Amino acid sequence: AADDIAALDDFAVATGTASDVYVWYQAWAGEPAFDAARATAAIQRGAVPVLTWEPWSPGGGVEQPSYSLAHIAAGSLDNYIVTVARQIRSWDGTLGLRFMHELNAPYYPWGAGVNNNSPADAVAAWRHVREVFRREGASNVLWIWSANIHAEGTAAYAPLYPGDDWVDWVGLDG
């Protein structure tokens, strides 16, 4: 992950090879909702663009009730989710969407065991958001479920996994 797409160019010069994936982070409280220019720049460099999409307001701590998983699953944030789905649908490319990364760890408002989140809430929120994307016709997304293998105080993986019909790629952070 790098804040600046130019890091891919620097990496290619330093190693003599291009990166296959470019990852960046976007909080739901941030702007723009979807950075199409950044995603396009990654593709132009031969990399798969992967947006780590974080339902929170950075710096607000783990207790952010408006971003709880039950709140997301209930549709309370659907206006924002629909906006992003439509932006991605209109963009000309395939995007990896790493939604709620490290949800087994207690570091973020979407983490199991914090912010009143349960594993069932995690599955419901994932499936709800993906269903919104389906309804909006945003089929140019690879859904990436990514847990943290070294986080302290982690929840078990299996109860958090939304199922093979809802996930395209599985990744691990460490």
N, C-alpha and C. Protein backbone atom coordinates (compact mmCIF):
# COMPACT_ATOMS: atom_id res chain seq x y z
N ALA A 1 0.85 -1.18 0.00
CA ALA A 1 0.00 0.00 0.00
C ALA A 1 0.88 1.23 0.00
N ALA A 2 0.45 2.22 -0.73
CA ALA A 2 1.18 3.49 -0.80
C ALA A 2 0.20 4.61 -1.02
N ASP A 3 0.45 5.74 -0.39
CA ASP A 3 -0.44 6.88 -0.55
C ASP A 3 -0.33 7.50 -1.94
N ASP A 4 0.81 7.33 -2.56
CA ASP A 4 1.05 7.97 -3.86
C ASP A 4 1.32 6.89 -4.91
N ILE A 5 0.58 6.95 -6.01
CA ILE A 5 0.74 5.97 -7.10
C ILE A 5 2.16 5.98 -7.66
N ALA A 6 2.86 7.07 -7.52
CA ALA A 6 4.24 7.15 -8.01
C ALA A 6 5.14 6.13 -7.32
N ALA A 7 4.73 5.63 -6.16
CA ALA A 7 5.51 4.60 -5.47
C ALA A 7 5.65 3.35 -6.33
N LEU A 8 4.66 3.08 -7.19
CA LEU A 8 4.76 1.94 -8.10
C LEU A 8 5.89 2.15 -9.10
N ASP A 9 6.01 3.37 -9.58
CA ASP A 9 7.08 3.70 -10.52
C ASP A 9 8.44 3.56 -9.84
N ASP A 10 8.55 4.08 -8.63
CA ASP A 10 9.81 3.97 -7.88
C ASP A 10 10.18 2.52 -7.63
N PHE A 11 9.18 1.70 -7.29
CA PHE A 11 9.42 0.28 -7.06
C PHE A 11 9.91 -0.40 -8.34
N ALA A 12 9.28 -0.09 -9.46
CA ALA A 12 9.66 -0.70 -10.73
C ALA A 12 11.10 -0.34 -11.11
N VAL A 13 11.48 0.90 -10.88
CA VAL A 13 12.85 1.33 -11.18
C VAL A 13 13.83 0.62 -10.26
N ALA A 14 13.51 0.52 -8.98
CA ALA A 14 14.41 -0.07 -8.00
C ALA A 14 14.59 -1.57 -8.19
N THR A 15 13.54 -2.26 -8.64
CA THR A 15 13.60 -3.72 -8.72
C THR A 15 13.69 -4.26 -10.14
N GLY A 16 13.37 -3.43 -11.11
CA GLY A 16 13.37 -3.90 -12.49
C GLY A 16 12.12 -4.67 -12.85
N THR A 17 11.12 -4.62 -12.00
CA THR A 17 9.85 -5.31 -12.27
C THR A 17 8.69 -4.47 -11.77
N ALA A 18 7.56 -4.66 -12.38
CA ALA A 18 6.38 -3.90 -11.99
C ALA A 18 5.60 -4.64 -10.91
N SER A 19 4.87 -3.90 -10.13
CA SER A 19 4.01 -4.48 -9.11
C SER A 19 2.74 -5.01 -9.77
N ASP A 20 2.25 -6.15 -9.29
CA ASP A 20 1.03 -6.74 -9.84
C ASP A 20 -0.23 -6.16 -9.20
N VAL A 21 -0.08 -5.59 -8.01
CA VAL A 21 -1.22 -5.07 -7.27
C VAL A 21 -0.84 -3.72 -6.66
N TYR A 22 -1.78 -2.79 -6.68
CA TYR A 22 -1.61 -1.52 -6.00
C TYR A 22 -2.77 -1.34 -5.03
N VAL A 23 -2.45 -1.18 -3.74
CA VAL A 23 -3.45 -1.07 -2.69
C VAL A 23 -3.43 0.33 -2.11
N TRP A 24 -4.61 0.88 -1.87
CA TRP A 24 -4.74 2.12 -1.11
C TRP A 24 -5.95 2.02 -0.20
N TYR A 25 -6.00 2.94 0.76
CA TYR A 25 -7.04 2.93 1.79
C TYR A 25 -8.00 4.10 1.58
N GLN A 26 -9.28 3.85 1.82
CA GLN A 26 -10.28 4.90 1.75
C GLN A 26 -11.30 4.71 2.86
N ALA A 27 -11.36 5.65 3.76
CA ALA A 27 -12.36 5.62 4.83
C ALA A 27 -13.70 6.08 4.27
N TRP A 28 -14.76 5.56 4.82
CA TRP A 28 -16.10 5.96 4.38
C TRP A 28 -16.34 7.43 4.68
N ALA A 29 -15.63 7.98 5.65
CA ALA A 29 -15.79 9.39 5.99
C ALA A 29 -14.97 10.28 5.06
N GLY A 30 -14.20 9.69 4.15
CA GLY A 30 -13.30 10.47 3.31
C GLY A 30 -13.87 10.84 1.96
N GLU A 31 -13.16 11.69 1.28
CA GLU A 31 -13.51 12.10 -0.08
C GLU A 31 -12.30 11.87 -0.96
N PRO A 32 -12.42 11.53 -2.22
CA PRO A 32 -13.68 11.19 -2.88
C PRO A 32 -14.16 9.81 -2.46
N ALA A 33 -15.42 9.52 -2.72
CA ALA A 33 -15.96 8.22 -2.34
C ALA A 33 -15.21 7.11 -3.08
N PHE A 34 -14.93 7.29 -4.37
CA PHE A 34 -14.13 6.34 -5.13
C PHE A 34 -13.16 7.13 -5.99
N ASP A 35 -11.89 6.86 -5.85
CA ASP A 35 -10.86 7.59 -6.57
C ASP A 35 -10.56 6.87 -7.89
N ALA A 36 -11.37 7.16 -8.90
CA ALA A 36 -11.24 6.52 -10.21
C ALA A 36 -9.89 6.83 -10.86
N ALA A 37 -9.38 8.03 -10.66
CA ALA A 37 -8.08 8.40 -11.26
C ALA A 37 -6.97 7.53 -10.71
N ARG A 38 -7.00 7.25 -9.42
CA ARG A 38 -5.97 6.40 -8.81
C ARG A 38 -6.08 4.98 -9.33
N ALA A 39 -7.31 4.47 -9.43
CA ALA A 39 -7.51 3.11 -9.94
C ALA A 39 -7.05 3.00 -11.39
N THR A 40 -7.36 3.99 -12.19
CA THR A 40 -6.94 4.00 -13.60
C THR A 40 -5.42 4.07 -13.70
N ALA A 41 -4.79 4.88 -12.87
CA ALA A 41 -3.33 4.98 -12.88
C ALA A 41 -2.68 3.65 -12.55
N ALA A 42 -3.28 2.88 -11.63
CA ALA A 42 -2.74 1.55 -11.31
C ALA A 42 -2.82 0.64 -12.52
N ILE A 43 -3.96 0.63 -13.19
CA ILE A 43 -4.13 -0.21 -14.39
C ILE A 43 -3.14 0.19 -15.47
N GLN A 44 -2.93 1.47 -15.65
CA GLN A 44 -1.98 1.94 -16.66
C GLN A 44 -0.56 1.47 -16.38
N ARG A 45 -0.27 1.12 -15.13
CA ARG A 45 1.03 0.60 -14.74
C ARG A 45 1.05 -0.92 -14.70
N GLY A 46 -0.04 -1.54 -15.13
CA GLY A 46 -0.12 -3.00 -15.17
C GLY A 46 -0.49 -3.65 -13.86
N ALA A 47 -0.98 -2.87 -12.91
CA ALA A 47 -1.32 -3.41 -11.59
C ALA A 47 -2.84 -3.50 -11.42
N VAL A 48 -3.26 -4.47 -10.64
CA VAL A 48 -4.67 -4.57 -10.25
C VAL A 48 -4.90 -3.54 -9.16
N PRO A 49 -5.85 -2.63 -9.33
CA PRO A 49 -6.14 -1.67 -8.26
C PRO A 49 -6.96 -2.34 -7.17
N VAL A 50 -6.53 -2.17 -5.92
CA VAL A 50 -7.23 -2.76 -4.78
C VAL A 50 -7.50 -1.65 -3.76
N LEU A 51 -8.76 -1.36 -3.58
CA LEU A 51 -9.20 -0.37 -2.61
C LEU A 51 -9.50 -1.06 -1.29
N THR A 52 -8.79 -0.68 -0.24
CA THR A 52 -9.11 -1.14 1.11
C THR A 52 -10.14 -0.15 1.63
N TRP A 53 -11.37 -0.63 1.71
CA TRP A 53 -12.54 0.22 1.96
C TRP A 53 -12.96 0.09 3.41
N GLU A 54 -12.80 1.17 4.17
CA GLU A 54 -12.91 1.14 5.62
C GLU A 54 -14.12 1.92 6.14
N PRO A 55 -15.10 1.22 6.73
CA PRO A 55 -16.26 1.92 7.27
C PRO A 55 -15.96 2.55 8.64
N TRP A 56 -15.44 3.78 8.60
CA TRP A 56 -15.13 4.50 9.83
C TRP A 56 -14.76 5.93 9.54
N SER A 57 -14.59 6.68 10.61
CA SER A 57 -14.00 8.00 10.56
C SER A 57 -12.63 7.88 11.23
N PRO A 58 -11.54 7.93 10.46
CA PRO A 58 -10.21 7.72 11.03
C PRO A 58 -9.95 8.66 12.21
N GLY A 59 -9.30 8.11 13.21
CA GLY A 59 -8.98 8.90 14.39
C GLY A 59 -10.09 8.93 15.42
N GLY A 60 -11.23 8.32 15.10
CA GLY A 60 -12.37 8.34 16.01
C GLY A 60 -12.42 7.19 16.98
N GLY A 61 -11.42 6.32 16.96
CA GLY A 61 -11.40 5.17 17.86
C GLY A 61 -12.26 4.03 17.36
N VAL A 62 -12.33 2.96 18.14
CA VAL A 62 -13.07 1.78 17.72
C VAL A 62 -14.55 1.85 18.04
N GLU A 63 -14.94 2.69 18.97
CA GLU A 63 -16.36 2.82 19.31
C GLU A 63 -16.97 3.95 18.47
N GLN A 64 -17.48 3.57 17.30
CA GLN A 64 -18.15 4.50 16.40
C GLN A 64 -19.49 3.88 16.02
N PRO A 65 -20.52 4.07 16.84
CA PRO A 65 -21.80 3.40 16.63
C PRO A 65 -22.39 3.58 15.23
N SER A 66 -22.17 4.71 14.61
CA SER A 66 -22.75 4.91 13.27
C SER A 66 -22.11 3.99 12.24
N TYR A 67 -20.94 3.41 12.57
CA TYR A 67 -20.27 2.47 11.66
C TYR A 67 -20.30 1.04 12.20
N SER A 68 -21.15 0.75 13.16
CA SER A 68 -21.24 -0.63 13.65
C SER A 68 -21.73 -1.54 12.53
N LEU A 69 -21.38 -2.79 12.61
CA LEU A 69 -21.76 -3.74 11.56
C LEU A 69 -23.26 -3.94 11.49
N ALA A 70 -23.94 -3.93 12.63
CA ALA A 70 -25.41 -4.05 12.61
C ALA A 70 -26.03 -2.84 11.91
N HIS A 71 -25.45 -1.68 12.12
CA HIS A 71 -25.92 -0.45 11.48
C HIS A 71 -25.76 -0.55 9.96
N ILE A 72 -24.60 -1.05 9.52
CA ILE A 72 -24.35 -1.23 8.08
C ILE A 72 -25.32 -2.25 7.51
N ALA A 73 -25.47 -3.39 8.18
CA ALA A 73 -26.34 -4.46 7.68
C ALA A 73 -27.80 -4.02 7.61
N ALA A 74 -28.20 -3.10 8.49
CA ALA A 74 -29.58 -2.62 8.51
C ALA A 74 -29.87 -1.62 7.40
N GLY A 75 -28.82 -1.20 6.69
CA GLY A 75 -29.03 -0.29 5.56
C GLY A 75 -28.90 1.19 5.90
N SER A 76 -28.47 1.50 7.09
CA SER A 76 -28.40 2.90 7.51
C SER A 76 -27.40 3.73 6.70
N LEU A 77 -26.44 3.08 6.09
CA LEU A 77 -25.42 3.79 5.31
C LEU A 77 -25.56 3.51 3.81
N ASP A 78 -26.72 3.05 3.41
CA ASP A 78 -26.92 2.67 2.01
C ASP A 78 -26.75 3.82 1.02
N ASN A 79 -27.08 5.04 1.40
CA ASN A 79 -26.89 6.16 0.45
C ASN A 79 -25.43 6.26 0.03
N TYR A 80 -24.54 6.17 1.00
CA TYR A 80 -23.11 6.22 0.69
C TYR A 80 -22.68 5.00 -0.13
N ILE A 81 -23.13 3.82 0.28
CA ILE A 81 -22.75 2.58 -0.41
C ILE A 81 -23.24 2.60 -1.86
N VAL A 82 -24.46 3.04 -2.08
CA VAL A 82 -25.01 3.14 -3.45
C VAL A 82 -24.18 4.11 -4.28
N THR A 83 -23.81 5.24 -3.70
CA THR A 83 -22.99 6.22 -4.43
C THR A 83 -21.69 5.60 -4.90
N VAL A 84 -21.01 4.89 -4.00
CA VAL A 84 -19.74 4.26 -4.36
C VAL A 84 -19.96 3.16 -5.40
N ALA A 85 -20.97 2.35 -5.21
CA ALA A 85 -21.26 1.28 -6.18
C ALA A 85 -21.49 1.86 -7.57
N ARG A 86 -22.22 2.93 -7.66
CA ARG A 86 -22.48 3.56 -8.96
C ARG A 86 -21.21 4.15 -9.56
N GLN A 87 -20.37 4.75 -8.73
CA GLN A 87 -19.11 5.30 -9.23
C GLN A 87 -18.22 4.19 -9.78
N ILE A 88 -18.13 3.09 -9.06
CA ILE A 88 -17.30 1.97 -9.52
C ILE A 88 -17.90 1.35 -10.78
N ARG A 89 -19.22 1.19 -10.80
CA ARG A 89 -19.89 0.63 -11.98
C ARG A 89 -19.59 1.46 -13.22
N SER A 90 -19.55 2.80 -13.09
CA SER A 90 -19.32 3.66 -14.26
C SER A 90 -17.86 3.73 -14.67
N TRP A 91 -16.98 3.30 -13.80
CA TRP A 91 -15.55 3.33 -14.10
C TRP A 91 -15.20 2.17 -15.02
N ASP A 92 -14.27 2.38 -15.91
CA ASP A 92 -13.91 1.38 -16.92
C ASP A 92 -12.72 0.54 -16.45
N GLY A 93 -13.00 -0.46 -15.63
CA GLY A 93 -11.94 -1.33 -15.14
C GLY A 93 -12.49 -2.28 -14.08
N THR A 94 -11.63 -3.17 -13.62
CA THR A 94 -11.99 -4.09 -12.54
C THR A 94 -11.24 -3.67 -11.29
N LEU A 95 -11.97 -3.59 -10.20
CA LEU A 95 -11.41 -3.13 -8.94
C LEU A 95 -11.46 -4.24 -7.91
N GLY A 96 -10.35 -4.46 -7.22
CA GLY A 96 -10.36 -5.32 -6.04
C GLY A 96 -10.87 -4.48 -4.88
N LEU A 97 -11.87 -4.98 -4.17
CA LEU A 97 -12.43 -4.25 -3.04
C LEU A 97 -12.18 -5.05 -1.77
N ARG A 98 -11.24 -4.58 -0.98
CA ARG A 98 -10.84 -5.22 0.27
C ARG A 98 -11.63 -4.54 1.38
N PHE A 99 -12.84 -5.04 1.57
CA PHE A 99 -13.80 -4.43 2.47
C PHE A 99 -13.63 -4.99 3.88
N MET A 100 -13.63 -4.12 4.87
CA MET A 100 -13.52 -4.50 6.29
C MET A 100 -12.30 -5.39 6.55
N HIS A 101 -11.14 -5.00 6.07
CA HIS A 101 -9.94 -5.79 6.29
C HIS A 101 -9.69 -5.98 7.79
N GLU A 102 -9.07 -7.09 8.11
CA GLU A 102 -8.68 -7.42 9.49
C GLU A 102 -9.86 -7.37 10.45
N LEU A 103 -11.03 -7.80 10.00
CA LEU A 103 -12.21 -7.71 10.85
C LEU A 103 -12.16 -8.66 12.03
N ASN A 104 -11.20 -9.55 12.05
CA ASN A 104 -11.02 -10.43 13.20
C ASN A 104 -10.22 -9.76 14.32
N ALA A 105 -9.69 -8.58 14.06
CA ALA A 105 -8.86 -7.87 15.04
C ALA A 105 -9.65 -6.73 15.69
N PRO A 106 -9.29 -6.35 16.90
CA PRO A 106 -10.04 -5.32 17.63
C PRO A 106 -9.56 -3.89 17.38
N TYR A 107 -9.03 -3.62 16.20
CA TYR A 107 -8.40 -2.34 15.94
C TYR A 107 -9.31 -1.28 15.33
N TYR A 108 -10.41 -1.70 14.74
CA TYR A 108 -11.25 -0.80 13.96
C TYR A 108 -12.71 -0.94 14.38
N PRO A 109 -13.56 0.04 14.06
CA PRO A 109 -14.97 -0.03 14.43
C PRO A 109 -15.73 -1.21 13.81
N TRP A 110 -15.18 -1.83 12.78
CA TRP A 110 -15.84 -2.99 12.17
C TRP A 110 -15.31 -4.30 12.75
N GLY A 111 -14.39 -4.25 13.67
CA GLY A 111 -13.81 -5.46 14.25
C GLY A 111 -14.80 -6.22 15.11
N ALA A 112 -14.73 -7.54 15.04
CA ALA A 112 -15.58 -8.38 15.89
C ALA A 112 -15.18 -8.16 17.34
N GLY A 113 -16.17 -8.00 18.19
CA GLY A 113 -15.91 -7.82 19.61
C GLY A 113 -15.76 -6.38 20.06
N VAL A 114 -15.75 -5.43 19.15
CA VAL A 114 -15.74 -4.01 19.50
C VAL A 114 -16.97 -3.36 18.87
N ASN A 115 -17.33 -2.20 19.36
CA ASN A 115 -18.42 -1.42 18.76
C ASN A 115 -19.73 -2.22 18.71
N ASN A 116 -19.88 -3.14 19.66
CA ASN A 116 -21.05 -4.04 19.74
C ASN A 116 -21.19 -4.96 18.52
N ASN A 117 -20.10 -5.28 17.85
CA ASN A 117 -20.12 -6.15 16.67
C ASN A 117 -20.00 -7.61 17.06
N SER A 118 -20.75 -8.44 16.39
CA SER A 118 -20.65 -9.89 16.55
C SER A 118 -20.22 -10.49 15.21
N PRO A 119 -19.76 -11.74 15.21
CA PRO A 119 -19.46 -12.38 13.94
C PRO A 119 -20.67 -12.42 13.00
N ALA A 120 -21.85 -12.65 13.54
CA ALA A 120 -23.06 -12.66 12.69
C ALA A 120 -23.27 -11.29 12.05
N ASP A 121 -22.98 -10.22 12.80
CA ASP A 121 -23.09 -8.87 12.23
C ASP A 121 -22.10 -8.69 11.08
N ALA A 122 -20.90 -9.25 11.23
CA ALA A 122 -19.87 -9.13 10.19
C ALA A 122 -20.35 -9.78 8.90
N VAL A 123 -20.88 -10.96 9.00
CA VAL A 123 -21.38 -11.67 7.82
C VAL A 123 -22.56 -10.91 7.21
N ALA A 124 -23.47 -10.45 8.04
CA ALA A 124 -24.65 -9.72 7.54
C ALA A 124 -24.24 -8.41 6.86
N ALA A 125 -23.28 -7.69 7.44
CA ALA A 125 -22.83 -6.43 6.84
C ALA A 125 -22.16 -6.69 5.49
N TRP A 126 -21.28 -7.68 5.43
CA TRP A 126 -20.60 -8.02 4.18
C TRP A 126 -21.62 -8.34 3.10
N ARG A 127 -22.54 -9.25 3.42
CA ARG A 127 -23.52 -9.68 2.43
C ARG A 127 -24.44 -8.53 2.03
N HIS A 128 -24.80 -7.69 2.95
CA HIS A 128 -25.65 -6.55 2.62
C HIS A 128 -24.95 -5.61 1.63
N VAL A 129 -23.70 -5.26 1.93
CA VAL A 129 -22.97 -4.34 1.06
C VAL A 129 -22.79 -4.96 -0.32
N ARG A 130 -22.44 -6.23 -0.35
CA ARG A 130 -22.28 -6.88 -1.66
C ARG A 130 -23.60 -6.92 -2.41
N GLU A 131 -24.68 -7.14 -1.71
CA GLU A 131 -26.00 -7.16 -2.36
C GLU A 131 -26.35 -5.78 -2.91
N VAL A 132 -26.01 -4.72 -2.22
CA VAL A 132 -26.23 -3.37 -2.74
C VAL A 132 -25.47 -3.19 -4.05
N PHE A 133 -24.22 -3.64 -4.08
CA PHE A 133 -23.43 -3.55 -5.31
C PHE A 133 -24.09 -4.35 -6.44
N ARG A 134 -24.60 -5.53 -6.13
CA ARG A 134 -25.28 -6.34 -7.15
C ARG A 134 -26.50 -5.60 -7.69
N ARG A 135 -27.32 -5.05 -6.79
CA ARG A 135 -28.52 -4.31 -7.22
C ARG A 135 -28.16 -3.13 -8.10
N GLU A 136 -27.02 -2.50 -7.83
CA GLU A 136 -26.60 -1.32 -8.59
C GLU A 136 -25.84 -1.70 -9.87
N GLY A 137 -25.65 -2.99 -10.11
CA GLY A 137 -24.99 -3.43 -11.33
C GLY A 137 -23.49 -3.24 -11.33
N ALA A 138 -22.89 -3.08 -10.16
CA ALA A 138 -21.44 -2.91 -10.04
C ALA A 138 -20.79 -4.30 -10.02
N SER A 139 -20.70 -4.90 -11.19
CA SER A 139 -20.18 -6.26 -11.31
C SER A 139 -18.68 -6.28 -11.61
N ASN A 140 -18.06 -5.11 -11.70
CA ASN A 140 -16.63 -5.02 -12.00
C ASN A 140 -15.78 -4.96 -10.72
N VAL A 141 -16.23 -5.69 -9.70
CA VAL A 141 -15.55 -5.71 -8.41
C VAL A 141 -15.14 -7.13 -8.05
N LEU A 142 -13.90 -7.29 -7.59
CA LEU A 142 -13.42 -8.53 -6.99
C LEU A 142 -13.47 -8.32 -5.48
N TRP A 143 -14.30 -9.08 -4.79
CA TRP A 143 -14.49 -8.91 -3.35
C TRP A 143 -13.41 -9.69 -2.60
N ILE A 144 -12.62 -8.97 -1.79
CA ILE A 144 -11.47 -9.55 -1.10
C ILE A 144 -11.74 -9.57 0.40
N TRP A 145 -11.82 -10.76 0.97
CA TRP A 145 -11.98 -10.94 2.41
C TRP A 145 -10.58 -11.16 2.97
N SER A 146 -10.17 -10.31 3.92
CA SER A 146 -8.80 -10.35 4.40
C SER A 146 -8.76 -10.26 5.92
N ALA A 147 -8.24 -11.28 6.55
CA ALA A 147 -8.10 -11.32 8.01
C ALA A 147 -6.65 -11.04 8.39
N ASN A 148 -6.41 -10.80 9.67
CA ASN A 148 -5.07 -10.56 10.18
C ASN A 148 -4.61 -11.80 10.93
N ILE A 149 -3.46 -12.36 10.52
CA ILE A 149 -3.01 -13.62 11.13
C ILE A 149 -2.21 -13.42 12.42
N HIS A 150 -1.82 -12.17 12.72
CA HIS A 150 -0.99 -11.95 13.91
C HIS A 150 -1.60 -10.99 14.92
N ALA A 151 -2.82 -10.58 14.73
CA ALA A 151 -3.41 -9.61 15.64
C ALA A 151 -3.71 -10.23 17.00
N GLU A 152 -3.43 -9.49 18.05
CA GLU A 152 -3.76 -9.95 19.40
C GLU A 152 -5.23 -9.70 19.66
N GLY A 153 -5.86 -10.60 20.39
CA GLY A 153 -7.27 -10.46 20.72
C GLY A 153 -8.18 -10.70 19.54
N THR A 154 -7.73 -11.50 18.60
CA THR A 154 -8.52 -11.74 17.41
C THR A 154 -9.67 -12.69 17.64
N ALA A 155 -10.69 -12.52 16.83
CA ALA A 155 -11.82 -13.46 16.81
C ALA A 155 -11.48 -14.60 15.86
N ALA A 156 -12.17 -15.70 15.98
CA ALA A 156 -11.97 -16.85 15.09
C ALA A 156 -12.36 -16.47 13.66
N TYR A 157 -11.66 -17.03 12.70
CA TYR A 157 -11.91 -16.70 11.29
C TYR A 157 -13.26 -17.21 10.78
N ALA A 158 -13.54 -18.48 11.00
CA ALA A 158 -14.69 -19.13 10.36
C ALA A 158 -16.02 -18.41 10.59
N PRO A 159 -16.33 -17.98 11.81
CA PRO A 159 -17.63 -17.31 11.99
C PRO A 159 -17.73 -15.96 11.29
N LEU A 160 -16.61 -15.39 10.90
CA LEU A 160 -16.59 -14.08 10.24
C LEU A 160 -16.66 -14.18 8.72
N TYR A 161 -16.42 -15.37 8.19
CA TYR A 161 -16.34 -15.55 6.74
C TYR A 161 -17.74 -15.55 6.13
N PRO A 162 -18.00 -14.67 5.15
CA PRO A 162 -19.35 -14.56 4.59
C PRO A 162 -19.76 -15.72 3.68
N GLY A 163 -18.80 -16.54 3.25
CA GLY A 163 -19.11 -17.67 2.38
C GLY A 163 -18.55 -17.49 0.98
N ASP A 164 -18.30 -18.61 0.33
CA ASP A 164 -17.68 -18.60 -0.99
C ASP A 164 -18.52 -17.88 -2.04
N ASP A 165 -19.83 -17.87 -1.90
CA ASP A 165 -20.68 -17.18 -2.86
C ASP A 165 -20.59 -15.66 -2.73
N TRP A 166 -19.97 -15.18 -1.65
CA TRP A 166 -19.90 -13.76 -1.36
C TRP A 166 -18.49 -13.19 -1.43
N VAL A 167 -17.49 -14.06 -1.62
CA VAL A 167 -16.08 -13.66 -1.61
C VAL A 167 -15.42 -14.18 -2.87
N ASP A 168 -14.62 -13.32 -3.52
CA ASP A 168 -13.89 -13.74 -4.72
C ASP A 168 -12.44 -14.14 -4.39
N TRP A 169 -11.79 -13.38 -3.53
CA TRP A 169 -10.42 -13.66 -3.13
C TRP A 169 -10.34 -13.64 -1.62
N VAL A 170 -9.43 -14.44 -1.07
CA VAL A 170 -9.14 -14.43 0.36
C VAL A 170 -7.70 -14.02 0.53
N GLY A 171 -7.45 -13.13 1.48
CA GLY A 171 -6.10 -12.67 1.76
C GLY A 171 -5.84 -12.68 3.24
N LEU A 172 -4.57 -12.63 3.62
CA LEU A 172 -4.18 -12.55 5.02
C LEU A 172 -3.19 -11.42 5.19
N ASP A 173 -3.39 -10.63 6.24
CA ASP A 173 -2.44 -9.60 6.63
C ASP A 173 -1.64 -10.15 7.81
N GLY A 174 -0.47 -9.62 7.98
CA GLY A 174 0.31 -10.04 9.13
C GLY A 174 1.34 -9.03 9.50
